[in-house]
Structures are given as structure tokens and as C-alpha cells.
Amino acid sequence: MKLIQWHKISESRLELFSGGTHLAEVLAGEKAVCVAMVGEQLKACAAKCPHAGARMADGYIDVLGNIVCPLHRYKFSLSGGRNVSGEGYFLKTFAVEEREDGIYVGIEEKNGFWGV
């Protein structure tokens, strides 16, 4: 059984995306994550690209809803982290819940420790 610890990252969407962008880097506990708004859905992934470590929040969302790395333009599905531009990398994704009291990201417990 996978254990998930939920971390409140924001009071609202407006607080997360106040600058008009659809990407934001936040802390979920001690883990940096990138939160994206794709249409009306909230998604979360690792803050850094698995290829060269660029900040995913500096990238953009393409017309298909993929997050695009700002450095080399590698594209990743926010639904599962699959690299859709063919380079073979995987971007860690996280569960997101929008609750009455705010927005939460779930981080799985791994090897007895929280985080990845």
C-alpha cells in the first residue's frame, strides 16, 4: 500500500497563478514541485527537468496539455510523466487535490521516508 502525505501549497488558484502564468513552483513540505493549470485541471510534477535540471515552471504548457522544458523543449505528459517528444526521460508527477480550504499536493512515502 502506498502512503501519501498531503501538503497544503496554496489557499486558491488565484494565489498560485496570480501573474497570469499557468505554471508555478511551490514547496510541498520540503519538496519543490511545479504546479500547472491545464484547462481547468490542476496537475503537479517535479520542479526540475530530468534531462538537464531546468526549472519546469520556466517552461510552458503546449496546445496538447504537455509541459515543455524551457531549456531543450522536451515535452512531458502531466497525466503520467511520460516523455512525449521521444527522448526517453520520465518526469515525476504528483496527485493534486483542490479542497474547500485550499490546494494540496500528495507526496508518496518511499523506503520509509517521505518524498522522492
PDB file of N, CA and C in Angstrom:
ATOM      1  N   MET A   1       0.836  -1.183   0.000  1.00  0.00           N
ATOM      2  CA  MET A   1       0.000   0.000   0.000  1.00  0.00           C
ATOM      3  C   MET A   1       0.884   1.251   0.000  1.00  0.00           C
ATOM      4  N   LYS A   2       0.579   2.158  -0.891  1.00  0.00           N
ATOM      5  CA  LYS A   2       1.328   3.409  -0.955  1.00  0.00           C
ATOM      6  C   LYS A   2       0.729   4.406   0.027  1.00  0.00           C
ATOM      7  N   LEU A   3       1.592   5.018   0.798  1.00  0.00           N
ATOM      8  CA  LEU A   3       1.158   6.051   1.724  1.00  0.00           C
ATOM      9  C   LEU A   3       1.443   7.409   1.102  1.00  0.00           C
ATOM     10  N   ILE A   4       0.474   8.291   1.176  1.00  0.00           N
ATOM     11  CA  ILE A   4       0.631   9.631   0.626  1.00  0.00           C
ATOM     12  C   ILE A   4       0.449  10.647   1.734  1.00  0.00           C
ATOM     13  N   GLN A   5       1.396  11.563   1.817  1.00  0.00           N
ATOM     14  CA  GLN A   5       1.269  12.678   2.751  1.00  0.00           C
ATOM     15  C   GLN A   5       0.857  13.900   1.938  1.00  0.00           C
ATOM     16  N   TRP A   6      -0.223  14.547   2.371  1.00  0.00           N
ATOM     17  CA  TRP A   6      -0.759  15.706   1.664  1.00  0.00           C
ATOM     18  C   TRP A   6      -0.207  16.993   2.252  1.00  0.00           C
ATOM     19  N   HIS A   7       0.220  17.899   1.380  1.00  0.00           N
ATOM     20  CA  HIS A   7       0.799  19.173   1.786  1.00  0.00           C
ATOM     21  C   HIS A   7      -0.014  20.313   1.169  1.00  0.00           C
ATOM     22  N   LYS A   8      -0.456  21.223   2.008  1.00  0.00           N
ATOM     23  CA  LYS A   8      -1.168  22.394   1.501  1.00  0.00           C
ATOM     24  C   LYS A   8      -0.155  23.321   0.845  1.00  0.00           C
ATOM     25  N   ILE A   9      -0.415  23.689  -0.408  1.00  0.00           N
ATOM     26  CA  ILE A   9       0.531  24.532  -1.138  1.00  0.00           C
ATOM     27  C   ILE A   9      -0.016  25.928  -1.422  1.00  0.00           C
ATOM     28  N   SER A  10      -1.331  26.100  -1.284  1.00  0.00           N
ATOM     29  CA  SER A  10      -1.921  27.393  -1.612  1.00  0.00           C
ATOM     30  C   SER A  10      -3.344  27.474  -1.073  1.00  0.00           C
ATOM     31  N   GLU A  11      -3.781  28.702  -0.870  1.00  0.00           N
ATOM     32  CA  GLU A  11      -5.175  28.926  -0.473  1.00  0.00           C
ATOM     33  C   GLU A  11      -6.116  28.780  -1.671  1.00  0.00           C
ATOM     34  N   SER A  12      -5.635  29.167  -2.871  1.00  0.00           N
ATOM     35  CA  SER A  12      -6.515  29.180  -4.045  1.00  0.00           C
ATOM     36  C   SER A  12      -5.713  29.171  -5.337  1.00  0.00           C
ATOM     37  N   ARG A  13      -6.402  28.948  -6.440  1.00  0.00           N
ATOM     38  CA  ARG A  13      -5.787  29.035  -7.768  1.00  0.00           C
ATOM     39  C   ARG A  13      -5.279  30.449  -8.032  1.00  0.00           C
ATOM     40  N   LEU A  14      -6.056  31.425  -7.617  1.00  0.00           N
ATOM     41  CA  LEU A  14      -5.675  32.819  -7.842  1.00  0.00           C
ATOM     42  C   LEU A  14      -4.334  33.128  -7.175  1.00  0.00           C
ATOM     43  N   GLU A  15      -4.147  32.612  -5.978  1.00  0.00           N
ATOM     44  CA  GLU A  15      -2.878  32.814  -5.274  1.00  0.00           C
ATOM     45  C   GLU A  15      -1.724  32.140  -6.016  1.00  0.00           C
ATOM     46  N   LEU A  16      -1.951  30.949  -6.553  1.00  0.00           N
ATOM     47  CA  LEU A  16      -0.912  30.215  -7.272  1.00  0.00           C
ATOM     48  C   LEU A  16      -0.525  30.883  -8.582  1.00  0.00           C
ATOM     49  N   PHE A  17      -1.526  31.314  -9.328  1.00  0.00           N
ATOM     50  CA  PHE A  17      -1.301  31.782 -10.691  1.00  0.00           C
ATOM     51  C   PHE A  17      -1.634  33.259 -10.856  1.00  0.00           C
ATOM     52  N   SER A  18      -1.303  34.072  -9.884  1.00  0.00           N
ATOM     53  CA  SER A  18      -1.662  35.489  -9.897  1.00  0.00           C
ATOM     54  C   SER A  18      -0.964  36.282 -10.997  1.00  0.00           C
ATOM     55  N   GLY A  19       0.167  35.812 -11.486  1.00  0.00           N
ATOM     56  CA  GLY A  19       0.901  36.540 -12.512  1.00  0.00           C
ATOM     57  C   GLY A  19       0.419  36.290 -13.924  1.00  0.00           C
ATOM     58  N   GLY A  20      -0.674  35.554 -14.083  1.00  0.00           N
ATOM     59  CA  GLY A  20      -1.190  35.265 -15.407  1.00  0.00           C
ATOM     60  C   GLY A  20      -0.557  34.047 -16.070  1.00  0.00           C
ATOM     61  N   THR A  21       0.383  33.407 -15.383  1.00  0.00           N
ATOM     62  CA  THR A  21       1.029  32.213 -15.916  1.00  0.00           C
ATOM     63  C   THR A  21       0.202  30.979 -15.564  1.00  0.00           C
ATOM     64  N   HIS A  22       0.499  29.860 -16.195  1.00  0.00           N
ATOM     65  CA  HIS A  22      -0.177  28.604 -15.894  1.00  0.00           C
ATOM     66  C   HIS A  22       0.756  27.628 -15.190  1.00  0.00           C
ATOM     67  N   LEU A  23       1.935  28.105 -14.765  1.00  0.00           N
ATOM     68  CA  LEU A  23       2.910  27.280 -14.063  1.00  0.00           C
ATOM     69  C   LEU A  23       3.413  28.013 -12.833  1.00  0.00           C
ATOM     70  N   ALA A  24       3.615  27.264 -11.750  1.00  0.00           N
ATOM     71  CA  ALA A  24       4.155  27.855 -10.518  1.00  0.00           C
ATOM     72  C   ALA A  24       5.008  26.816  -9.802  1.00  0.00           C
ATOM     73  N   GLU A  25       6.123  27.251  -9.232  1.00  0.00           N
ATOM     74  CA  GLU A  25       6.941  26.372  -8.417  1.00  0.00           C
ATOM     75  C   GLU A  25       6.636  26.662  -6.955  1.00  0.00           C
ATOM     76  N   VAL A  26       6.344  25.596  -6.198  1.00  0.00           N
ATOM     77  CA  VAL A  26       5.976  25.724  -4.790  1.00  0.00           C
ATOM     78  C   VAL A  26       6.671  24.630  -3.989  1.00  0.00           C
ATOM     79  N   LEU A  27       6.595  24.752  -2.660  1.00  0.00           N
ATOM     80  CA  LEU A  27       7.086  23.697  -1.778  1.00  0.00           C
ATOM     81  C   LEU A  27       5.912  22.881  -1.264  1.00  0.00           C
ATOM     82  N   ALA A  28       6.037  21.568  -1.382  1.00  0.00           N
ATOM     83  CA  ALA A  28       5.085  20.634  -0.787  1.00  0.00           C
ATOM     84  C   ALA A  28       5.861  19.950   0.331  1.00  0.00           C
ATOM     85  N   GLY A  29       5.707  20.452   1.530  1.00  0.00           N
ATOM     86  CA  GLY A  29       6.595  20.030   2.618  1.00  0.00           C
ATOM     87  C   GLY A  29       7.963  20.595   2.317  1.00  0.00           C
ATOM     88  N   GLU A  30       8.947  19.721   2.161  1.00  0.00           N
ATOM     89  CA  GLU A  30      10.303  20.154   1.818  1.00  0.00           C
ATOM     90  C   GLU A  30      10.641  19.891   0.361  1.00  0.00           C
ATOM     91  N   LYS A  31       9.669  19.425  -0.415  1.00  0.00           N
ATOM     92  CA  LYS A  31       9.889  19.044  -1.820  1.00  0.00           C
ATOM     93  C   LYS A  31       9.411  20.151  -2.751  1.00  0.00           C
ATOM     94  N   ALA A  32      10.288  20.608  -3.639  1.00  0.00           N
ATOM     95  CA  ALA A  32       9.902  21.591  -4.651  1.00  0.00           C
ATOM     96  C   ALA A  32       9.134  20.871  -5.755  1.00  0.00           C
ATOM     97  N   VAL A  33       7.971  21.402  -6.097  1.00  0.00           N
ATOM     98  CA  VAL A  33       7.163  20.840  -7.178  1.00  0.00           C
ATOM     99  C   VAL A  33       6.704  21.968  -8.103  1.00  0.00           C
ATOM    100  N   CYS A  34       6.386  21.584  -9.318  1.00  0.00           N
ATOM    101  CA  CYS A  34       5.821  22.512 -10.286  1.00  0.00           C
ATOM    102  C   CYS A  34       4.335  22.200 -10.400  1.00  0.00           C
ATOM    103  N   VAL A  35       3.503  23.211 -10.238  1.00  0.00           N
ATOM    104  CA  VAL A  35       2.056  23.040 -10.363  1.00  0.00           C
ATOM    105  C   VAL A  35       1.622  23.727 -11.655  1.00  0.00           C
ATOM    106  N   ALA A  36       0.773  23.048 -12.410  1.00  0.00           N
ATOM    107  CA  ALA A  36       0.317  23.561 -13.696  1.00  0.00           C
ATOM    108  C   ALA A  36      -1.198  23.583 -13.750  1.00  0.00           C
ATOM    109  N   MET A  37      -1.726  24.573 -14.445  1.00  0.00           N
ATOM    110  CA  MET A  37      -3.157  24.602 -14.724  1.00  0.00           C
ATOM    111  C   MET A  37      -3.314  24.298 -16.214  1.00  0.00           C
ATOM    112  N   VAL A  38      -3.933  23.157 -16.488  1.00  0.00           N
ATOM    113  CA  VAL A  38      -4.153  22.709 -17.860  1.00  0.00           C
ATOM    114  C   VAL A  38      -5.657  22.740 -18.084  1.00  0.00           C
ATOM    115  N   GLY A  39      -6.122  23.725 -18.826  1.00  0.00           N
ATOM    116  CA  GLY A  39      -7.556  23.944 -18.928  1.00  0.00           C
ATOM    117  C   GLY A  39      -8.059  24.338 -17.554  1.00  0.00           C
ATOM    118  N   GLU A  40      -8.947  23.556 -16.995  1.00  0.00           N
ATOM    119  CA  GLU A  40      -9.444  23.791 -15.638  1.00  0.00           C
ATOM    120  C   GLU A  40      -8.859  22.815 -14.622  1.00  0.00           C
ATOM    121  N   GLN A  41      -7.973  21.921 -15.073  1.00  0.00           N
ATOM    122  CA  GLN A  41      -7.390  20.921 -14.190  1.00  0.00           C
ATOM    123  C   GLN A  41      -6.055  21.379 -13.621  1.00  0.00           C
ATOM    124  N   LEU A  42      -5.815  21.017 -12.359  1.00  0.00           N
ATOM    125  CA  LEU A  42      -4.526  21.250 -11.731  1.00  0.00           C
ATOM    126  C   LEU A  42      -3.710  19.968 -11.797  1.00  0.00           C
ATOM    127  N   LYS A  43      -2.436  20.097 -12.157  1.00  0.00           N
ATOM    128  CA  LYS A  43      -1.503  18.974 -12.245  1.00  0.00           C
ATOM    129  C   LYS A  43      -0.239  19.369 -11.504  1.00  0.00           C
ATOM    130  N   ALA A  44       0.542  18.388 -11.070  1.00  0.00           N
ATOM    131  CA  ALA A  44       1.809  18.680 -10.385  1.00  0.00           C
ATOM    132  C   ALA A  44       2.878  17.707 -10.851  1.00  0.00           C
ATOM    133  N   CYS A  45       4.110  18.211 -10.933  1.00  0.00           N
ATOM    134  CA  CYS A  45       5.233  17.385 -11.363  1.00  0.00           C
ATOM    135  C   CYS A  45       6.497  17.858 -10.650  1.00  0.00           C
ATOM    136  N   ALA A  46       7.577  17.136 -10.893  1.00  0.00           N
ATOM    137  CA  ALA A  46       8.873  17.530 -10.337  1.00  0.00           C
ATOM    138  C   ALA A  46       9.209  18.948 -10.783  1.00  0.00           C
ATOM    139  N   ALA A  47       9.905  19.672  -9.934  1.00  0.00           N
ATOM    140  CA  ALA A  47      10.247  21.059 -10.236  1.00  0.00           C
ATOM    141  C   ALA A  47      11.325  21.174 -11.303  1.00  0.00           C
ATOM    142  N   LYS A  48      12.149  20.121 -11.458  1.00  0.00           N
ATOM    143  CA  LYS A  48      13.253  20.180 -12.412  1.00  0.00           C
ATOM    144  C   LYS A  48      13.122  19.112 -13.488  1.00  0.00           C
ATOM    145  N   CYS A  49      13.535  19.459 -14.688  1.00  0.00           N
ATOM    146  CA  CYS A  49      13.535  18.527 -15.812  1.00  0.00           C
ATOM    147  C   CYS A  49      14.519  17.386 -15.520  1.00  0.00           C
ATOM    148  N   PRO A  50      14.126  16.140 -15.811  1.00  0.00           N
ATOM    149  CA  PRO A  50      15.028  15.021 -15.545  1.00  0.00           C
ATOM    150  C   PRO A  50      16.222  14.970 -16.507  1.00  0.00           C
ATOM    151  N   HIS A  51      16.182  15.735 -17.581  1.00  0.00           N
ATOM    152  CA  HIS A  51      17.290  15.719 -18.542  1.00  0.00           C
ATOM    153  C   HIS A  51      18.455  16.595 -18.103  1.00  0.00           C
ATOM    154  N   ALA A  52      18.201  17.893 -17.919  1.00  0.00           N
ATOM    155  CA  ALA A  52      19.305  18.805 -17.609  1.00  0.00           C
ATOM    156  C   ALA A  52      19.031  19.705 -16.403  1.00  0.00           C
ATOM    157  N   GLY A  53      17.956  19.447 -15.681  1.00  0.00           N
ATOM    158  CA  GLY A  53      17.701  20.155 -14.436  1.00  0.00           C
ATOM    159  C   GLY A  53      17.084  21.535 -14.556  1.00  0.00           C
ATOM    160  N   ALA A  54      16.567  21.900 -15.729  1.00  0.00           N
ATOM    161  CA  ALA A  54      15.933  23.212 -15.885  1.00  0.00           C
ATOM    162  C   ALA A  54      14.663  23.291 -15.044  1.00  0.00           C
ATOM    163  N   ARG A  55      14.312  24.498 -14.607  1.00  0.00           N
ATOM    164  CA  ARG A  55      13.095  24.703 -13.811  1.00  0.00           C
ATOM    165  C   ARG A  55      11.876  24.581 -14.724  1.00  0.00           C
ATOM    166  N   MET A  56      11.030  23.598 -14.469  1.00  0.00           N
ATOM    167  CA  MET A  56       9.852  23.363 -15.302  1.00  0.00           C
ATOM    168  C   MET A  56       8.886  24.542 -15.257  1.00  0.00           C
ATOM    169  N   ALA A  57       8.853  25.280 -14.148  1.00  0.00           N
ATOM    170  CA  ALA A  57       7.958  26.434 -14.033  1.00  0.00           C
ATOM    171  C   ALA A  57       8.353  27.559 -14.987  1.00  0.00           C
ATOM    172  N   ASP A  58       9.569  27.509 -15.530  1.00  0.00           N
ATOM    173  CA  ASP A  58      10.002  28.492 -16.521  1.00  0.00           C
ATOM    174  C   ASP A  58       9.625  28.078 -17.941  1.00  0.00           C
ATOM    175  N   GLY A  59       9.057  26.893 -18.080  1.00  0.00           N
ATOM    176  CA  GLY A  59       8.630  26.393 -19.387  1.00  0.00           C
ATOM    177  C   GLY A  59       7.227  26.866 -19.715  1.00  0.00           C
ATOM    178  N   TYR A  60       6.492  26.042 -20.446  1.00  0.00           N
ATOM    179  CA  TYR A  60       5.118  26.391 -20.803  1.00  0.00           C
ATOM    180  C   TYR A  60       4.299  25.134 -21.050  1.00  0.00           C
ATOM    181  N   ILE A  61       2.991  25.315 -21.176  1.00  0.00           N
ATOM    182  CA  ILE A  61       2.070  24.232 -21.498  1.00  0.00           C
ATOM    183  C   ILE A  61       1.757  24.337 -22.983  1.00  0.00           C
ATOM    184  N   ASP A  62       1.945  23.243 -23.746  1.00  0.00           N
ATOM    185  CA  ASP A  62       1.652  23.298 -25.173  1.00  0.00           C
ATOM    186  C   ASP A  62       0.155  23.094 -25.431  1.00  0.00           C
ATOM    187  N   VAL A  63      -0.259  23.156 -26.678  1.00  0.00           N
ATOM    188  CA  VAL A  63      -1.689  23.062 -27.025  1.00  0.00           C
ATOM    189  C   VAL A  63      -2.288  21.702 -26.700  1.00  0.00           C
ATOM    190  N   LEU A  64      -1.445  20.676 -26.527  1.00  0.00           N
ATOM    191  CA  LEU A  64      -1.930  19.342 -26.184  1.00  0.00           C
ATOM    192  C   LEU A  64      -1.970  19.110 -24.675  1.00  0.00           C
ATOM    193  N   GLY A  65      -1.544  20.112 -23.895  1.00  0.00           N
ATOM    194  CA  GLY A  65      -1.562  19.992 -22.437  1.00  0.00           C
ATOM    195  C   GLY A  65      -0.304  19.392 -21.839  1.00  0.00           C
ATOM    196  N   ASN A  66       0.755  19.281 -22.630  1.00  0.00           N
ATOM    197  CA  ASN A  66       2.042  18.785 -22.132  1.00  0.00           C
ATOM    198  C   ASN A  66       2.850  19.937 -21.560  1.00  0.00           C
ATOM    199  N   ILE A  67       3.661  19.637 -20.552  1.00  0.00           N
ATOM    200  CA  ILE A  67       4.583  20.650 -20.043  1.00  0.00           C
ATOM    201  C   ILE A  67       5.861  20.567 -20.866  1.00  0.00           C
ATOM    202  N   VAL A  68       6.391  21.734 -21.239  1.00  0.00           N
ATOM    203  CA  VAL A  68       7.561  21.807 -22.109  1.00  0.00           C
ATOM    204  C   VAL A  68       8.716  22.442 -21.342  1.00  0.00           C
ATOM    205  N   CYS A  69       9.836  21.742 -21.292  1.00  0.00           N
ATOM    206  CA  CYS A  69      11.023  22.233 -20.605  1.00  0.00           C
ATOM    207  C   CYS A  69      11.554  23.476 -21.322  1.00  0.00           C
ATOM    208  N   PRO A  70      11.938  24.507 -20.561  1.00  0.00           N
ATOM    209  CA  PRO A  70      12.412  25.741 -21.190  1.00  0.00           C
ATOM    210  C   PRO A  70      13.807  25.631 -21.818  1.00  0.00           C
ATOM    211  N   LEU A  71      14.583  24.617 -21.457  1.00  0.00           N
ATOM    212  CA  LEU A  71      15.966  24.535 -21.914  1.00  0.00           C
ATOM    213  C   LEU A  71      16.098  23.859 -23.281  1.00  0.00           C
ATOM    214  N   HIS A  72      15.602  22.630 -23.398  1.00  0.00           N
ATOM    215  CA  HIS A  72      15.746  21.881 -24.643  1.00  0.00           C
ATOM    216  C   HIS A  72      14.411  21.550 -25.303  1.00  0.00           C
ATOM    217  N   ARG A  73      13.318  22.054 -24.736  1.00  0.00           N
ATOM    218  CA  ARG A  73      11.965  21.871 -25.288  1.00  0.00           C
ATOM    219  C   ARG A  73      11.477  20.415 -25.253  1.00  0.00           C
ATOM    220  N   TYR A  74      12.002  19.623 -24.320  1.00  0.00           N
ATOM    221  CA  TYR A  74      11.477  18.276 -24.141  1.00  0.00           C
ATOM    222  C   TYR A  74      10.061  18.404 -23.588  1.00  0.00           C
ATOM    223  N   LYS A  75       9.164  17.539 -24.046  1.00  0.00           N
ATOM    224  CA  LYS A  75       7.757  17.610 -23.650  1.00  0.00           C
ATOM    225  C   LYS A  75       7.389  16.394 -22.812  1.00  0.00           C
ATOM    226  N   PHE A  76       6.577  16.651 -21.777  1.00  0.00           N
ATOM    227  CA  PHE A  76       6.160  15.584 -20.863  1.00  0.00           C
ATOM    228  C   PHE A  76       4.661  15.650 -20.632  1.00  0.00           C
ATOM    229  N   SER A  77       4.026  14.483 -20.579  1.00  0.00           N
ATOM    230  CA  SER A  77       2.615  14.392 -20.226  1.00  0.00           C
ATOM    231  C   SER A  77       2.471  14.660 -18.729  1.00  0.00           C
ATOM    232  N   LEU A  78       1.570  15.545 -18.372  1.00  0.00           N
ATOM    233  CA  LEU A  78       1.329  15.809 -16.949  1.00  0.00           C
ATOM    234  C   LEU A  78       0.402  14.772 -16.331  1.00  0.00           C
ATOM    235  N   SER A  79      -0.143  13.893 -17.142  1.00  0.00           N
ATOM    236  CA  SER A  79      -1.006  12.828 -16.619  1.00  0.00           C
ATOM    237  C   SER A  79      -0.205  11.652 -16.073  1.00  0.00           C
ATOM    238  N   GLY A  80       1.000  11.437 -16.571  1.00  0.00           N
ATOM    239  CA  GLY A  80       1.784  10.319 -16.080  1.00  0.00           C
ATOM    240  C   GLY A  80       3.271  10.524 -16.123  1.00  0.00           C
ATOM    241  N   GLY A  81       3.730  11.641 -16.681  1.00  0.00           N
ATOM    242  CA  GLY A  81       5.145  11.948 -16.706  1.00  0.00           C
ATOM    243  C   GLY A  81       5.898  11.427 -17.914  1.00  0.00           C
ATOM    244  N   ARG A  82       5.181  10.744 -18.819  1.00  0.00           N
ATOM    245  CA  ARG A  82       5.847  10.173 -19.999  1.00  0.00           C
ATOM    246  C   ARG A  82       6.413  11.273 -20.884  1.00  0.00           C
ATOM    247  N   ASN A  83       7.613  11.065 -21.376  1.00  0.00           N
ATOM    248  CA  ASN A  83       8.267  11.985 -22.303  1.00  0.00           C
ATOM    249  C   ASN A  83       7.650  11.762 -23.686  1.00  0.00           C
ATOM    250  N   VAL A  84       6.865  12.732 -24.166  1.00  0.00           N
ATOM    251  CA  VAL A  84       6.124  12.555 -25.415  1.00  0.00           C
ATOM    252  C   VAL A  84       6.876  13.058 -26.640  1.00  0.00           C
ATOM    253  N   SER A  85       8.043  13.684 -26.440  1.00  0.00           N
ATOM    254  CA  SER A  85       8.817  14.148 -27.586  1.00  0.00           C
ATOM    255  C   SER A  85       9.903  13.147 -27.985  1.00  0.00           C
ATOM    256  N   GLY A  86       9.949  11.988 -27.311  1.00  0.00           N
ATOM    257  CA  GLY A  86      10.763  10.874 -27.770  1.00  0.00           C
ATOM    258  C   GLY A  86      12.162  10.713 -27.214  1.00  0.00           C
ATOM    259  N   GLU A  87      12.573  11.518 -26.247  1.00  0.00           N
ATOM    260  CA  GLU A  87      13.936  11.411 -25.728  1.00  0.00           C
ATOM    261  C   GLU A  87      14.116  10.312 -24.688  1.00  0.00           C
ATOM    262  N   GLY A  88      13.028   9.772 -24.149  1.00  0.00           N
ATOM    263  CA  GLY A  88      13.114   8.642 -23.238  1.00  0.00           C
ATOM    264  C   GLY A  88      13.193   8.971 -21.756  1.00  0.00           C
ATOM    265  N   TYR A  89      13.001  10.213 -21.372  1.00  0.00           N
ATOM    266  CA  TYR A  89      13.040  10.601 -19.963  1.00  0.00           C
ATOM    267  C   TYR A  89      11.662  10.459 -19.332  1.00  0.00           C
ATOM    268  N   PHE A  90      11.614  10.490 -18.016  1.00  0.00           N
ATOM    269  CA  PHE A  90      10.364  10.393 -17.265  1.00  0.00           C
ATOM    270  C   PHE A  90      10.345  11.507 -16.229  1.00  0.00           C
ATOM    271  N   LEU A  91       9.257  12.257 -16.192  1.00  0.00           N
ATOM    272  CA  LEU A  91       9.082  13.353 -15.227  1.00  0.00           C
ATOM    273  C   LEU A  91       8.145  12.887 -14.124  1.00  0.00           C
ATOM    274  N   LYS A  92       8.594  12.921 -12.890  1.00  0.00           N
ATOM    275  CA  LYS A  92       7.769  12.502 -11.756  1.00  0.00           C
ATOM    276  C   LYS A  92       6.537  13.393 -11.654  1.00  0.00           C
ATOM    277  N   THR A  93       5.372  12.786 -11.484  1.00  0.00           N
ATOM    278  CA  THR A  93       4.134  13.540 -11.292  1.00  0.00           C
ATOM    279  C   THR A  93       3.566  13.243  -9.910  1.00  0.00           C
ATOM    280  N   PHE A  94       2.723  14.151  -9.428  1.00  0.00           N
ATOM    281  CA  PHE A  94       2.142  14.042  -8.095  1.00  0.00           C
ATOM    282  C   PHE A  94       0.641  14.293  -8.163  1.00  0.00           C
ATOM    283  N   ALA A  95      -0.077  13.722  -7.208  1.00  0.00           N
ATOM    284  CA  ALA A  95      -1.516  13.950  -7.104  1.00  0.00           C
ATOM    285  C   ALA A  95      -1.778  15.366  -6.592  1.00  0.00           C
ATOM    286  N   VAL A  96      -2.855  15.960  -7.071  1.00  0.00           N
ATOM    287  CA  VAL A  96      -3.272  17.292  -6.621  1.00  0.00           C
ATOM    288  C   VAL A  96      -4.740  17.213  -6.236  1.00  0.00           C
ATOM    289  N   GLU A  97      -5.082  17.830  -5.122  1.00  0.00           N
ATOM    290  CA  GLU A  97      -6.483  17.915  -4.690  1.00  0.00           C
ATOM    291  C   GLU A  97      -6.828  19.361  -4.371  1.00  0.00           C
ATOM    292  N   GLU A  98      -7.962  19.785  -4.874  1.00  0.00           N
ATOM    293  CA  GLU A  98      -8.474  21.104  -4.543  1.00  0.00           C
ATOM    294  C   GLU A  98      -9.587  20.893  -3.517  1.00  0.00           C
ATOM    295  N   ARG A  99      -9.374  21.390  -2.306  1.00  0.00           N
ATOM    296  CA  ARG A  99     -10.319  21.216  -1.214  1.00  0.00           C
ATOM    297  C   ARG A  99     -10.918  22.563  -0.836  1.00  0.00           C
ATOM    298  N   GLU A 100     -11.907  22.541   0.043  1.00  0.00           N
ATOM    299  CA  GLU A 100     -12.545  23.788   0.472  1.00  0.00           C
ATOM    300  C   GLU A 100     -11.562  24.770   1.094  1.00  0.00           C
ATOM    301  N   ASP A 101     -10.546  24.233   1.791  1.00  0.00           N
ATOM    302  CA  ASP A 101      -9.600  25.118   2.493  1.00  0.00           C
ATOM    303  C   ASP A 101      -8.306  25.364   1.722  1.00  0.00           C
ATOM    304  N   GLY A 102      -8.206  24.888   0.480  1.00  0.00           N
ATOM    305  CA  GLY A 102      -7.005  25.165  -0.300  1.00  0.00           C
ATOM    306  C   GLY A 102      -6.626  24.055  -1.257  1.00  0.00           C
ATOM    307  N   ILE A 103      -5.420  24.165  -1.799  1.00  0.00           N
ATOM    308  CA  ILE A 103      -4.907  23.216  -2.782  1.00  0.00           C
ATOM    309  C   ILE A 103      -3.787  22.408  -2.143  1.00  0.00           C
ATOM    310  N   TYR A 104      -3.826  21.094  -2.355  1.00  0.00           N
ATOM    311  CA  TYR A 104      -2.887  20.161  -1.741  1.00  0.00           C
ATOM    312  C   TYR A 104      -2.193  19.312  -2.796  1.00  0.00           C
ATOM    313  N   VAL A 105      -0.920  18.982  -2.529  1.00  0.00           N
ATOM    314  CA  VAL A 105      -0.163  18.050  -3.358  1.00  0.00           C
ATOM    315  C   VAL A 105       0.194  16.855  -2.497  1.00  0.00           C
ATOM    316  N   GLY A 106       0.027  15.652  -3.065  1.00  0.00           N
ATOM    317  CA  GLY A 106       0.334  14.419  -2.349  1.00  0.00           C
ATOM    318  C   GLY A 106       1.698  13.881  -2.728  1.00  0.00           C
ATOM    319  N   ILE A 107       2.534  13.654  -1.731  1.00  0.00           N
ATOM    320  CA  ILE A 107       3.877  13.096  -1.929  1.00  0.00           C
ATOM    321  C   ILE A 107       3.882  11.683  -1.356  1.00  0.00           C
ATOM    322  N   GLU A 108       4.276  10.700  -2.184  1.00  0.00           N
ATOM    323  CA  GLU A 108       4.299   9.308  -1.741  1.00  0.00           C
ATOM    324  C   GLU A 108       5.462   9.050  -0.793  1.00  0.00           C
ATOM    325  N   GLU A 109       5.214   8.168   0.174  1.00  0.00           N
ATOM    326  CA  GLU A 109       6.274   7.712   1.059  1.00  0.00           C
ATOM    327  C   GLU A 109       7.117   6.710   0.283  1.00  0.00           C
ATOM    328  N   LYS A 110       8.437   6.822   0.404  1.00  0.00           N
ATOM    329  CA  LYS A 110       9.328   5.902  -0.304  1.00  0.00           C
ATOM    330  C   LYS A 110      10.384   5.393   0.659  1.00  0.00           C
ATOM    331  N   ASN A 111      10.489   4.074   0.781  1.00  0.00           N
ATOM    332  CA  ASN A 111      11.502   3.432   1.633  1.00  0.00           C
ATOM    333  C   ASN A 111      11.485   3.946   3.068  1.00  0.00           C
ATOM    334  N   GLY A 112      10.290   4.200   3.587  1.00  0.00           N
ATOM    335  CA  GLY A 112      10.170   4.625   4.964  1.00  0.00           C
ATOM    336  C   GLY A 112      10.369   6.125   5.170  1.00  0.00           C
ATOM    337  N   PHE A 113      10.628   6.844   4.104  1.00  0.00           N
ATOM    338  CA  PHE A 113      10.831   8.288   4.204  1.00  0.00           C
ATOM    339  C   PHE A 113       9.827   8.989   3.305  1.00  0.00           C
ATOM    340  N   TRP A 114       9.446  10.218   3.670  1.00  0.00           N
ATOM    341  CA  TRP A 114       8.554  10.996   2.828  1.00  0.00           C
ATOM    342  C   TRP A 114       9.377  11.662   1.742  1.00  0.00           C
ATOM    343  N   GLY A 115       8.795  11.697   0.558  1.00  0.00           N
ATOM    344  CA  GLY A 115       9.472  12.364  -0.558  1.00  0.00           C
ATOM    345  C   GLY A 115      10.047  11.389  -1.551  1.00  0.00           C
ATOM    346  N   VAL A 116      10.740  11.922  -2.515  1.00  0.00           N
ATOM    347  CA  VAL A 116      11.296  11.102  -3.595  1.00  0.00           C
ATOM    348  C   VAL A 116      12.743  11.456  -3.787  1.00  0.00           C
TER     349      VAL A 116
END
